[in-house]
Protein backbone atom coordinates (compact mmCIF):
# COMPACT_ATOMS: atom_id res chain seq x y z
CA MET A 1 8.62 4.89 -3.18
CA VAL A 2 6.96 2.21 -5.34
CA ILE A 3 5.76 -0.92 -3.45
CA LEU A 4 5.60 -3.81 -5.90
CA ASP A 5 4.68 -7.69 -5.27
CA ASP A 6 6.22 -7.83 -1.74
CA LEU A 7 3.22 -5.71 -0.54
CA ILE A 8 2.84 -7.77 2.56
CA ALA A 9 6.40 -8.83 3.51
CA PRO A 10 6.57 -7.38 6.96
CA ASP A 11 10.52 -8.04 7.49
CA ASN A 12 11.21 -5.70 4.31
CA VAL A 13 9.32 -2.68 5.72
CA GLU A 14 10.77 0.06 7.65
CA GLU A 15 8.54 2.42 9.44
CA ASP A 16 7.90 5.81 7.91
CA ASP A 17 5.68 8.40 9.58
CA SER A 18 5.63 10.38 6.59
CA ILE A 19 3.76 7.88 4.59
CA LEU A 20 -0.03 8.82 5.13
CA GLY A 21 -1.59 5.87 2.88
CA ILE A 22 -1.07 3.89 -0.39
CA THR A 23 -2.63 4.65 -3.70
CA GLU A 24 -3.30 1.68 -6.29
CA LEU A 25 -1.65 2.96 -9.67
CA CYS A 26 -3.99 2.09 -12.70
CA TRP A 27 -3.66 2.86 -16.54
CA GLY A 28 -6.66 3.50 -18.65
CA GLU A 29 -9.14 3.91 -15.82
CA PRO A 30 -10.24 7.11 -14.37
CA GLN A 31 -8.87 6.28 -10.85
CA GLY A 32 -7.24 3.80 -8.58
CA ASN A 33 -8.09 3.05 -4.82
CA VAL A 34 -6.43 4.83 -1.99
CA TRP A 35 -6.22 3.48 1.34
CA MET A 36 -5.25 6.03 4.18
CA ARG A 37 -3.54 4.88 7.39
CA LYS A 38 -5.93 4.87 10.49
CA LYS A 39 -4.91 6.11 13.70
CA GLY A 40 -2.41 4.37 15.37
CA GLU A 41 -1.79 1.83 12.33
CA SER A 42 1.63 0.78 11.48
CA LEU A 43 3.14 0.84 7.96
CA ASN A 44 3.00 -2.92 8.30
CA GLN A 45 -0.52 -3.16 9.53
CA LEU A 46 -1.64 -0.80 6.43
CA ARG A 47 0.37 -2.88 3.80
CA VAL A 48 -1.44 -5.89 5.06
CA ARG A 49 -4.86 -4.58 4.81
CA VAL A 50 -4.10 -3.18 1.54
CA GLY A 51 -2.79 -6.36 0.40
CA ARG A 52 -5.89 -8.03 1.55
CA ASP A 53 -8.33 -5.52 0.02
CA ALA A 54 -6.42 -5.58 -3.33
CA SER A 55 -6.36 -9.36 -3.32
CA CYS A 56 -2.58 -9.50 -3.55
CA LEU A 57 -2.48 -12.39 -1.15
CA ASP A 58 -3.99 -14.39 -3.66
CA GLY A 59 -0.80 -13.91 -6.07
CA ASP A 60 -1.85 -11.19 -8.18
CA LEU A 61 0.60 -8.66 -9.29
CA SER A 62 -0.49 -5.07 -8.37
CA LEU A 63 1.43 -1.86 -8.34
CA PHE A 64 1.18 0.83 -5.59
CA ASP A 65 2.72 3.93 -4.99
CA ALA A 66 3.18 5.57 -1.21
CA VAL A 67 0.92 8.69 -0.38
CA ARG A 68 3.44 10.93 1.63
CA ALA A 69 3.07 13.96 3.71
CA THR A 70 4.30 17.16 1.91
């Protein structure tokens, strides 16, 4: 699952308990950021937190991927 551009659109998010976090995909850099879900945090809350931390609320286009339980 790739989350692109609409990172903080809550009406487009279906709750998914298999998603443990979100990772920022980067090219040409050693590693991107990883945000893990906090205890009791919903997927919507996680996406809003990641959007703020990654400055997506400022209109920057960022590419993210879900970190899922295996």
